[in-house]
């Protein structure tokens, strides 16, 4: 069985870098990319055996954490991580929003 991830983020360079990391360092066989929530839902619906989905909460189509909760309802067994934008202040605790299982910082470290 192949390991496939979906990256849903409206920043193409970030998607490209994260896709490389997932394949080169974490052993994913393929990465499907999406620039909006609608594209991500399409990728999830047309691709079998998705092992991980990563969502940017501020990309087009994402209304709030409730959008992520709706994805969780449709795909209850899918591991979901959330990208936290570099321009946002870090939360006291990087807790995932409802529907998410983890938070990935987006941008350089040390800020």
N, C-alpha and C. Protein backbone atom coordinates (compact mmCIF):
# COMPACT_ATOMS: atom_id res chain seq x y z
N UNK A 1 0.85 -1.18 0.00
CA UNK A 1 0.00 0.00 0.00
C UNK A 1 0.89 1.24 0.00
N UNK A 2 0.58 2.20 -0.86
CA UNK A 2 1.39 3.41 -0.91
C UNK A 2 0.89 4.43 0.11
N UNK A 3 1.82 5.27 0.55
CA UNK A 3 1.48 6.34 1.49
C UNK A 3 1.32 7.63 0.70
N UNK A 4 0.12 8.20 0.78
CA UNK A 4 -0.20 9.41 0.03
C UNK A 4 -0.66 10.49 1.01
N UNK A 5 -0.20 11.72 0.79
CA UNK A 5 -0.61 12.87 1.60
C UNK A 5 -1.30 13.90 0.72
N UNK A 6 -2.15 14.71 1.33
CA UNK A 6 -2.75 15.86 0.67
C UNK A 6 -2.30 17.10 1.42
N UNK A 7 -1.74 18.07 0.69
CA UNK A 7 -1.36 19.36 1.27
C UNK A 7 -2.30 20.40 0.70
N UNK A 8 -3.04 21.06 1.56
CA UNK A 8 -3.98 22.10 1.14
C UNK A 8 -3.51 23.44 1.71
N UNK A 9 -2.88 24.24 0.85
CA UNK A 9 -2.33 25.53 1.24
C UNK A 9 -2.28 26.41 0.00
N UNK A 10 -2.58 27.68 0.13
CA UNK A 10 -2.62 28.55 -1.03
C UNK A 10 -1.25 29.10 -1.42
N UNK A 11 -0.20 28.73 -0.72
CA UNK A 11 1.16 29.16 -1.05
C UNK A 11 1.89 28.01 -1.75
N UNK A 12 2.09 28.15 -3.05
CA UNK A 12 2.68 27.09 -3.85
C UNK A 12 4.08 26.68 -3.41
N UNK A 13 4.90 27.64 -3.03
CA UNK A 13 6.27 27.31 -2.60
C UNK A 13 6.25 26.51 -1.30
N UNK A 14 5.34 26.85 -0.41
CA UNK A 14 5.23 26.08 0.83
C UNK A 14 4.79 24.65 0.53
N UNK A 15 3.79 24.51 -0.34
CA UNK A 15 3.34 23.17 -0.72
C UNK A 15 4.49 22.36 -1.32
N UNK A 16 5.26 22.99 -2.19
CA UNK A 16 6.36 22.31 -2.85
C UNK A 16 7.41 21.84 -1.83
N UNK A 17 7.77 22.72 -0.92
CA UNK A 17 8.77 22.36 0.10
C UNK A 17 8.27 21.27 1.03
N UNK A 18 7.02 21.38 1.45
CA UNK A 18 6.46 20.37 2.34
C UNK A 18 6.30 19.03 1.62
N UNK A 19 5.92 19.06 0.35
CA UNK A 19 5.81 17.83 -0.44
C UNK A 19 7.16 17.14 -0.54
N UNK A 20 8.21 17.92 -0.78
CA UNK A 20 9.55 17.34 -0.85
C UNK A 20 9.92 16.68 0.48
N UNK A 21 9.64 17.36 1.58
CA UNK A 21 9.96 16.81 2.91
C UNK A 21 9.19 15.53 3.18
N UNK A 22 7.91 15.53 2.85
CA UNK A 22 7.10 14.34 3.08
C UNK A 22 7.62 13.13 2.29
N UNK A 23 8.04 13.38 1.05
CA UNK A 23 8.53 12.27 0.22
C UNK A 23 9.97 11.89 0.57
N UNK A 24 10.83 12.88 0.68
CA UNK A 24 12.26 12.61 0.87
C UNK A 24 12.61 12.17 2.29
N UNK A 25 11.98 12.76 3.26
CA UNK A 25 12.35 12.50 4.65
C UNK A 25 11.39 11.59 5.41
N UNK A 26 10.11 11.60 5.00
CA UNK A 26 9.12 10.84 5.76
C UNK A 26 8.55 9.64 4.99
N UNK A 27 9.06 9.38 3.81
CA UNK A 27 8.72 8.17 3.10
C UNK A 27 7.37 8.13 2.41
N UNK A 28 6.75 9.28 2.17
CA UNK A 28 5.48 9.27 1.43
C UNK A 28 5.78 8.98 -0.04
N UNK A 29 4.91 8.20 -0.66
CA UNK A 29 5.09 7.83 -2.05
C UNK A 29 4.59 8.91 -3.00
N UNK A 30 3.55 9.63 -2.58
CA UNK A 30 2.97 10.66 -3.43
C UNK A 30 2.34 11.74 -2.56
N UNK A 31 2.28 12.94 -3.10
CA UNK A 31 1.64 14.06 -2.42
C UNK A 31 0.72 14.76 -3.41
N UNK A 32 -0.54 14.86 -3.05
CA UNK A 32 -1.52 15.60 -3.84
C UNK A 32 -1.57 17.02 -3.28
N UNK A 33 -1.52 18.02 -4.15
CA UNK A 33 -1.54 19.41 -3.71
C UNK A 33 -2.86 20.07 -4.06
N UNK A 34 -3.29 21.00 -3.19
CA UNK A 34 -4.52 21.76 -3.41
C UNK A 34 -4.30 23.18 -2.89
N UNK A 35 -4.85 24.17 -3.61
CA UNK A 35 -4.69 25.57 -3.23
C UNK A 35 -5.93 26.15 -2.56
N UNK A 36 -6.97 25.33 -2.39
CA UNK A 36 -8.20 25.80 -1.75
C UNK A 36 -8.88 24.61 -1.06
N UNK A 37 -9.86 24.92 -0.24
CA UNK A 37 -10.61 23.86 0.43
C UNK A 37 -11.34 23.00 -0.59
N UNK A 38 -11.95 23.62 -1.60
CA UNK A 38 -12.67 22.85 -2.62
C UNK A 38 -11.74 21.88 -3.35
N UNK A 39 -10.53 22.35 -3.70
CA UNK A 39 -9.57 21.47 -4.36
C UNK A 39 -9.15 20.33 -3.44
N UNK A 40 -8.97 20.63 -2.17
CA UNK A 40 -8.57 19.59 -1.20
C UNK A 40 -9.66 18.53 -1.08
N UNK A 41 -10.91 18.96 -0.99
CA UNK A 41 -12.01 18.01 -0.89
C UNK A 41 -12.09 17.14 -2.15
N UNK A 42 -11.82 17.74 -3.30
CA UNK A 42 -11.81 16.99 -4.54
C UNK A 42 -10.70 15.93 -4.52
N UNK A 43 -9.50 16.32 -4.09
CA UNK A 43 -8.38 15.36 -4.00
C UNK A 43 -8.70 14.22 -3.03
N UNK A 44 -9.29 14.57 -1.89
CA UNK A 44 -9.64 13.54 -0.91
C UNK A 44 -10.68 12.57 -1.46
N UNK A 45 -11.63 13.09 -2.24
CA UNK A 45 -12.69 12.26 -2.79
C UNK A 45 -12.24 11.37 -3.94
N UNK A 46 -11.21 11.79 -4.67
CA UNK A 46 -10.81 11.02 -5.85
C UNK A 46 -9.57 10.16 -5.63
N UNK A 47 -8.95 10.25 -4.48
CA UNK A 47 -7.72 9.49 -4.21
C UNK A 47 -7.94 8.54 -3.05
N UNK A 48 -7.67 7.27 -3.27
CA UNK A 48 -7.80 6.27 -2.21
C UNK A 48 -6.53 6.25 -1.35
N UNK A 49 -6.67 5.74 -0.16
CA UNK A 49 -5.53 5.48 0.72
C UNK A 49 -4.75 6.74 1.12
N UNK A 50 -5.42 7.85 1.37
CA UNK A 50 -4.74 9.03 1.88
C UNK A 50 -4.32 8.74 3.32
N UNK A 51 -3.04 8.95 3.60
CA UNK A 51 -2.51 8.65 4.94
C UNK A 51 -2.44 9.89 5.82
N UNK A 52 -2.48 11.10 5.21
CA UNK A 52 -2.34 12.35 5.96
C UNK A 52 -2.89 13.49 5.14
N UNK A 53 -3.58 14.42 5.80
CA UNK A 53 -4.02 15.66 5.14
C UNK A 53 -3.52 16.83 5.98
N UNK A 54 -2.98 17.83 5.30
CA UNK A 54 -2.45 19.03 5.96
C UNK A 54 -3.20 20.23 5.41
N UNK A 55 -3.79 21.03 6.30
CA UNK A 55 -4.62 22.17 5.89
C UNK A 55 -4.09 23.48 6.45
N UNK A 56 -4.14 24.52 5.60
CA UNK A 56 -3.90 25.90 6.02
C UNK A 56 -5.27 26.49 6.33
N UNK A 57 -5.46 26.94 7.56
CA UNK A 57 -6.77 27.47 7.95
C UNK A 57 -7.10 28.82 7.32
N UNK A 58 -6.11 29.47 6.69
CA UNK A 58 -6.39 30.79 6.10
C UNK A 58 -6.38 30.76 4.57
N UNK A 59 -6.50 29.58 3.98
CA UNK A 59 -6.53 29.49 2.51
C UNK A 59 -7.96 29.75 2.01
N UNK A 60 -8.10 30.01 0.71
CA UNK A 60 -9.43 30.24 0.15
C UNK A 60 -10.37 29.06 0.41
N UNK A 61 -11.60 29.40 0.78
CA UNK A 61 -12.63 28.40 1.04
C UNK A 61 -12.73 27.98 2.50
N UNK A 62 -11.68 28.22 3.26
CA UNK A 62 -11.67 27.82 4.66
C UNK A 62 -12.32 28.95 5.47
N UNK A 63 -13.51 28.69 5.98
CA UNK A 63 -14.26 29.72 6.69
C UNK A 63 -13.77 29.90 8.13
N UNK A 64 -13.46 28.80 8.77
CA UNK A 64 -13.00 28.81 10.15
C UNK A 64 -12.60 27.38 10.51
N UNK A 65 -12.31 27.17 11.77
CA UNK A 65 -12.01 25.81 12.22
C UNK A 65 -13.21 24.89 11.99
N UNK A 66 -14.39 25.46 11.85
CA UNK A 66 -15.59 24.65 11.57
C UNK A 66 -15.47 23.95 10.22
N UNK A 67 -14.79 24.57 9.26
CA UNK A 67 -14.57 23.92 7.96
C UNK A 67 -13.74 22.66 8.15
N UNK A 68 -12.74 22.76 9.01
CA UNK A 68 -11.90 21.59 9.29
C UNK A 68 -12.69 20.51 10.00
N UNK A 69 -13.57 20.90 10.90
CA UNK A 69 -14.42 19.94 11.59
C UNK A 69 -15.33 19.21 10.59
N UNK A 70 -15.77 19.92 9.55
CA UNK A 70 -16.61 19.29 8.53
C UNK A 70 -15.80 18.25 7.74
N UNK A 71 -14.53 18.56 7.47
CA UNK A 71 -13.66 17.58 6.81
C UNK A 71 -13.52 16.35 7.70
N UNK A 72 -13.35 16.57 8.99
CA UNK A 72 -13.20 15.47 9.95
C UNK A 72 -14.45 14.59 9.95
N UNK A 73 -15.63 15.22 9.82
CA UNK A 73 -16.88 14.45 9.77
C UNK A 73 -16.92 13.52 8.57
N UNK A 74 -16.44 14.02 7.42
CA UNK A 74 -16.46 13.22 6.20
C UNK A 74 -15.37 12.14 6.19
N UNK A 75 -14.26 12.41 6.86
CA UNK A 75 -13.11 11.49 6.87
C UNK A 75 -12.66 11.29 8.32
N UNK A 76 -13.44 10.56 9.11
CA UNK A 76 -13.17 10.45 10.55
C UNK A 76 -11.86 9.74 10.91
N UNK A 77 -11.35 8.89 10.03
CA UNK A 77 -10.12 8.15 10.34
C UNK A 77 -8.86 8.79 9.76
N UNK A 78 -9.01 9.87 9.05
CA UNK A 78 -7.88 10.52 8.39
C UNK A 78 -7.09 11.39 9.36
N UNK A 79 -5.80 11.16 9.52
CA UNK A 79 -4.98 12.07 10.33
C UNK A 79 -4.90 13.44 9.64
N UNK A 80 -5.21 14.49 10.40
CA UNK A 80 -5.23 15.86 9.86
C UNK A 80 -4.30 16.73 10.69
N UNK A 81 -3.44 17.48 9.99
CA UNK A 81 -2.59 18.48 10.65
C UNK A 81 -2.95 19.84 10.09
N UNK A 82 -2.67 20.88 10.88
CA UNK A 82 -3.00 22.24 10.50
C UNK A 82 -1.71 23.05 10.39
N UNK A 83 -1.63 23.88 9.34
CA UNK A 83 -0.50 24.78 9.15
C UNK A 83 -0.84 26.10 9.83
N UNK A 84 0.07 26.58 10.66
CA UNK A 84 -0.10 27.88 11.32
C UNK A 84 0.81 28.87 10.62
N UNK A 85 0.24 29.93 10.06
CA UNK A 85 0.99 30.91 9.29
C UNK A 85 2.07 31.63 10.09
N UNK A 86 3.14 32.02 9.37
CA UNK A 86 4.29 32.66 9.99
C UNK A 86 3.94 34.05 10.53
N UNK A 87 2.97 34.73 9.94
CA UNK A 87 2.65 36.08 10.37
C UNK A 87 1.76 36.16 11.59
N UNK A 88 1.33 35.03 12.09
CA UNK A 88 0.44 35.02 13.24
C UNK A 88 1.23 34.86 14.52
N UNK A 89 0.80 35.51 15.58
CA UNK A 89 1.51 35.32 16.85
C UNK A 89 1.36 33.89 17.34
N UNK A 90 2.42 33.32 17.92
CA UNK A 90 2.31 31.94 18.39
C UNK A 90 1.34 31.82 19.55
N UNK A 91 0.51 30.79 19.54
CA UNK A 91 -0.41 30.60 20.65
C UNK A 91 0.35 30.13 21.88
N UNK A 92 -0.25 30.30 23.05
CA UNK A 92 0.39 29.82 24.28
C UNK A 92 0.70 28.35 24.18
N UNK A 93 -0.23 27.62 23.64
CA UNK A 93 -0.06 26.19 23.42
C UNK A 93 -0.55 25.91 22.01
N UNK A 94 0.26 25.29 21.21
CA UNK A 94 -0.10 25.05 19.82
C UNK A 94 -1.08 23.88 19.71
N UNK A 95 -2.27 24.09 20.24
CA UNK A 95 -3.31 23.05 20.20
C UNK A 95 -4.01 23.09 18.85
N UNK A 96 -4.27 21.94 18.28
CA UNK A 96 -4.99 21.93 17.00
C UNK A 96 -6.44 22.36 17.18
N UNK A 97 -7.02 22.98 16.17
CA UNK A 97 -8.43 23.34 16.23
C UNK A 97 -9.29 22.09 16.14
N UNK A 98 -10.59 22.22 16.39
CA UNK A 98 -11.47 21.06 16.29
C UNK A 98 -11.34 20.39 14.93
N UNK A 99 -11.14 19.09 14.94
CA UNK A 99 -10.99 18.34 13.70
C UNK A 99 -9.54 18.08 13.34
N UNK A 100 -8.62 18.84 13.90
CA UNK A 100 -7.20 18.65 13.60
C UNK A 100 -6.51 17.83 14.67
N UNK A 101 -5.39 17.23 14.30
CA UNK A 101 -4.65 16.40 15.23
C UNK A 101 -3.28 16.97 15.56
N UNK A 102 -2.81 17.95 14.81
CA UNK A 102 -1.49 18.52 15.04
C UNK A 102 -1.37 19.86 14.36
N UNK A 103 -0.36 20.64 14.77
CA UNK A 103 -0.12 21.97 14.21
C UNK A 103 1.30 22.02 13.68
N UNK A 104 1.47 22.50 12.43
CA UNK A 104 2.78 22.68 11.82
C UNK A 104 3.03 24.17 11.68
N UNK A 105 4.11 24.71 12.25
CA UNK A 105 4.40 26.13 12.03
C UNK A 105 4.81 26.37 10.58
N UNK A 106 4.42 27.49 10.03
CA UNK A 106 4.75 27.83 8.67
C UNK A 106 5.68 29.04 8.71
N UNK A 107 6.90 28.88 8.29
CA UNK A 107 7.84 29.98 8.29
C UNK A 107 9.08 29.65 9.08
N UNK A 108 10.00 30.61 9.18
CA UNK A 108 11.28 30.36 9.86
C UNK A 108 11.12 30.21 11.36
N UNK A 109 12.04 29.46 11.94
CA UNK A 109 12.05 29.29 13.39
C UNK A 109 12.68 30.49 14.05
N UNK A 110 12.50 30.56 15.37
CA UNK A 110 13.18 31.58 16.16
C UNK A 110 12.45 32.90 16.26
N UNK A 111 11.21 32.95 15.86
CA UNK A 111 10.45 34.21 15.97
C UNK A 111 9.65 34.21 17.24
